[in-house]
Amino acid sequence: MTRVNSLIVLDNRDNIAIALQELQIGMVIEQGDIASVLEVKTVIPRGHKIALIEIAKDDPIIKYGERMGHAYRAIERGTHVHTHNVIGDRVSTEPEPAE
């Protein structure tokens, strides 16, 4: 039996992964490059990011082993990481969205 990964983790320091397919709520992902079983809590479109750990408000979002932005609200493990909860570091002149 061939096992196909659902996620790609770009660097072992990353706290997010990229969905290789649309991920549905309740899916359970178990693959070697993820520390423990990950349950999907929100729909994640293909190509979008999912939180591998709990990320607190203002904590960095790490992709390619580098900080790409920060969470402007807490992000639960297994949920969608996107513009609704992340501010990119290059967008320093724009105000943070209202909560």
C-alpha atoms as a PDB file:
ATOM      1  CA  MET A   1       0.000   0.000   0.000  1.00  0.00           C
ATOM      2  CA  THR A   2       1.360   3.435  -0.936  1.00  0.00           C
ATOM      3  CA  ARG A   3       0.780   6.222   1.559  1.00  0.00           C
ATOM      4  CA  VAL A   4       0.292   9.687   0.076  1.00  0.00           C
ATOM      5  CA  ASN A   5       1.099  12.704   2.244  1.00  0.00           C
ATOM      6  CA  SER A   6      -1.616  15.325   2.693  1.00  0.00           C
ATOM      7  CA  LEU A   7       0.784  18.059   3.820  1.00  0.00           C
ATOM      8  CA  ILE A   8       4.223  19.350   3.020  1.00  0.00           C
ATOM      9  CA  VAL A   9       6.398  20.701   5.807  1.00  0.00           C
ATOM     10  CA  LEU A  10       9.041  22.877   4.168  1.00  0.00           C
ATOM     11  CA  ASP A  11      11.462  23.046   7.136  1.00  0.00           C
ATOM     12  CA  ASN A  12      11.537  21.189  10.453  1.00  0.00           C
ATOM     13  CA  ARG A  13      11.381  24.570  12.274  1.00  0.00           C
ATOM     14  CA  ASP A  14       8.044  25.486  10.639  1.00  0.00           C
ATOM     15  CA  ASN A  15       4.896  25.825  12.750  1.00  0.00           C
ATOM     16  CA  ILE A  16       2.688  25.575   9.650  1.00  0.00           C
ATOM     17  CA  ALA A  17       2.394  23.160   6.735  1.00  0.00           C
ATOM     18  CA  ILE A  18       0.994  23.431   3.215  1.00  0.00           C
ATOM     19  CA  ALA A  19      -2.064  21.382   2.213  1.00  0.00           C
ATOM     20  CA  LEU A  20      -1.391  19.229  -0.856  1.00  0.00           C
ATOM     21  CA  GLN A  21      -5.125  18.614  -1.231  1.00  0.00           C
ATOM     22  CA  GLU A  22      -8.263  20.185   0.205  1.00  0.00           C
ATOM     23  CA  LEU A  23      -8.498  19.092   3.836  1.00  0.00           C
ATOM     24  CA  GLN A  24     -11.922  18.504   5.359  1.00  0.00           C
ATOM     25  CA  ILE A  25     -12.972  18.990   8.982  1.00  0.00           C
ATOM     26  CA  GLY A  26     -12.359  15.813  10.982  1.00  0.00           C
ATOM     27  CA  MET A  27      -9.629  14.411   8.732  1.00  0.00           C
ATOM     28  CA  VAL A  28      -6.804  12.875  10.759  1.00  0.00           C
ATOM     29  CA  ILE A  29      -3.328  13.289   9.318  1.00  0.00           C
ATOM     30  CA  GLU A  30      -0.484  11.064  10.400  1.00  0.00           C
ATOM     31  CA  GLN A  31       2.759  11.370   8.486  1.00  0.00           C
ATOM     32  CA  GLY A  32       6.421  11.080   9.424  1.00  0.00           C
ATOM     33  CA  ASP A  33       7.367  14.769   9.264  1.00  0.00           C
ATOM     34  CA  ILE A  34       4.637  15.815  11.740  1.00  0.00           C
ATOM     35  CA  ALA A  35       5.374  15.304  15.434  1.00  0.00           C
ATOM     36  CA  SER A  36       1.966  13.822  16.272  1.00  0.00           C
ATOM     37  CA  VAL A  37      -1.380  13.021  14.693  1.00  0.00           C
ATOM     38  CA  LEU A  38      -3.075  16.186  13.425  1.00  0.00           C
ATOM     39  CA  GLU A  39      -6.857  16.549  13.305  1.00  0.00           C
ATOM     40  CA  VAL A  40      -8.171  19.097  10.810  1.00  0.00           C
ATOM     41  CA  LYS A  41     -10.494  21.582  12.570  1.00  0.00           C
ATOM     42  CA  THR A  42     -11.424  23.844   9.626  1.00  0.00           C
ATOM     43  CA  VAL A  43     -11.562  23.326   5.869  1.00  0.00           C
ATOM     44  CA  ILE A  44      -8.123  24.017   4.397  1.00  0.00           C
ATOM     45  CA  PRO A  45      -8.075  24.705   0.645  1.00  0.00           C
ATOM     46  CA  ARG A  46      -5.349  23.018  -1.404  1.00  0.00           C
ATOM     47  CA  GLY A  47      -2.189  25.133  -1.302  1.00  0.00           C
ATOM     48  CA  HIS A  48      -3.166  26.937   1.905  1.00  0.00           C
ATOM     49  CA  LYS A  49      -1.494  26.698   5.307  1.00  0.00           C
ATOM     50  CA  ILE A  50      -2.529  24.730   8.409  1.00  0.00           C
ATOM     51  CA  ALA A  51      -1.246  25.268  11.960  1.00  0.00           C
ATOM     52  CA  LEU A  52       0.893  22.387  13.225  1.00  0.00           C
ATOM     53  CA  ILE A  53       0.898  23.740  16.796  1.00  0.00           C
ATOM     54  CA  GLU A  54      -1.116  26.167  18.901  1.00  0.00           C
ATOM     55  CA  ILE A  55       0.035  29.661  17.899  1.00  0.00           C
ATOM     56  CA  ALA A  56      -0.623  32.458  20.395  1.00  0.00           C
ATOM     57  CA  LYS A  57      -1.567  36.016  19.427  1.00  0.00           C
ATOM     58  CA  ASP A  58       1.578  37.890  18.302  1.00  0.00           C
ATOM     59  CA  ASP A  59       3.630  34.664  17.957  1.00  0.00           C
ATOM     60  CA  PRO A  60       5.622  34.306  14.736  1.00  0.00           C
ATOM     61  CA  ILE A  61       4.407  32.279  11.768  1.00  0.00           C
ATOM     62  CA  ILE A  62       7.370  30.196  10.576  1.00  0.00           C
ATOM     63  CA  LYS A  63       7.598  28.953   6.958  1.00  0.00           C
ATOM     64  CA  TYR A  64      10.814  27.793   5.219  1.00  0.00           C
ATOM     65  CA  GLY A  65      12.336  28.005   8.718  1.00  0.00           C
ATOM     66  CA  GLU A  66      11.920  31.807   8.649  1.00  0.00           C
ATOM     67  CA  ARG A  67       9.454  34.207  10.206  1.00  0.00           C
ATOM     68  CA  MET A  68       6.956  35.295   7.534  1.00  0.00           C
ATOM     69  CA  GLY A  69       4.565  37.178   9.794  1.00  0.00           C
ATOM     70  CA  HIS A  70       2.757  36.974  13.108  1.00  0.00           C
ATOM     71  CA  ALA A  71      -0.609  35.860  14.385  1.00  0.00           C
ATOM     72  CA  TYR A  72      -2.889  38.768  15.177  1.00  0.00           C
ATOM     73  CA  ARG A  73      -5.203  36.378  16.989  1.00  0.00           C
ATOM     74  CA  ALA A  74      -4.648  32.942  18.523  1.00  0.00           C
ATOM     75  CA  ILE A  75      -4.557  30.133  15.948  1.00  0.00           C
ATOM     76  CA  GLU A  76      -5.676  26.682  17.031  1.00  0.00           C
ATOM     77  CA  ARG A  77      -3.680  23.628  15.938  1.00  0.00           C
ATOM     78  CA  GLY A  78      -5.286  22.052  12.871  1.00  0.00           C
ATOM     79  CA  THR A  79      -6.904  25.270  11.605  1.00  0.00           C
ATOM     80  CA  HIS A  80      -6.489  27.476   8.544  1.00  0.00           C
ATOM     81  CA  VAL A  81      -3.601  29.956   8.638  1.00  0.00           C
ATOM     82  CA  HIS A  82      -4.293  32.812   6.217  1.00  0.00           C
ATOM     83  CA  THR A  83      -4.992  36.543   5.963  1.00  0.00           C
ATOM     84  CA  HIS A  84      -7.861  36.321   8.483  1.00  0.00           C
ATOM     85  CA  ASN A  85      -5.432  35.556  11.325  1.00  0.00           C
ATOM     86  CA  VAL A  86      -1.921  36.508  10.100  1.00  0.00           C
ATOM     87  CA  ILE A  87      -0.165  39.782   9.341  1.00  0.00           C
ATOM     88  CA  GLY A  88       2.810  39.434   7.023  1.00  0.00           C
ATOM     89  CA  ASP A  89       6.033  41.075   8.172  1.00  0.00           C
ATOM     90  CA  ARG A  90       6.298  42.957   4.861  1.00  0.00           C
ATOM     91  CA  VAL A  91       2.958  44.670   5.476  1.00  0.00           C
ATOM     92  CA  SER A  92       4.323  46.869   8.238  1.00  0.00           C
ATOM     93  CA  THR A  93       2.584  50.076   7.049  1.00  0.00           C
ATOM     94  CA  GLU A  94      -0.939  48.651   7.152  1.00  0.00           C
ATOM     95  CA  PRO A  95      -2.955  48.644  10.384  1.00  0.00           C
ATOM     96  CA  GLU A  96      -3.909  45.303  11.898  1.00  0.00           C
ATOM     97  CA  PRO A  97      -7.493  44.240  11.090  1.00  0.00           C
ATOM     98  CA  ALA A  98     -10.101  44.881  13.760  1.00  0.00           C
ATOM     99  CA  GLU A  99     -11.070  41.804  15.754  1.00  0.00           C
END
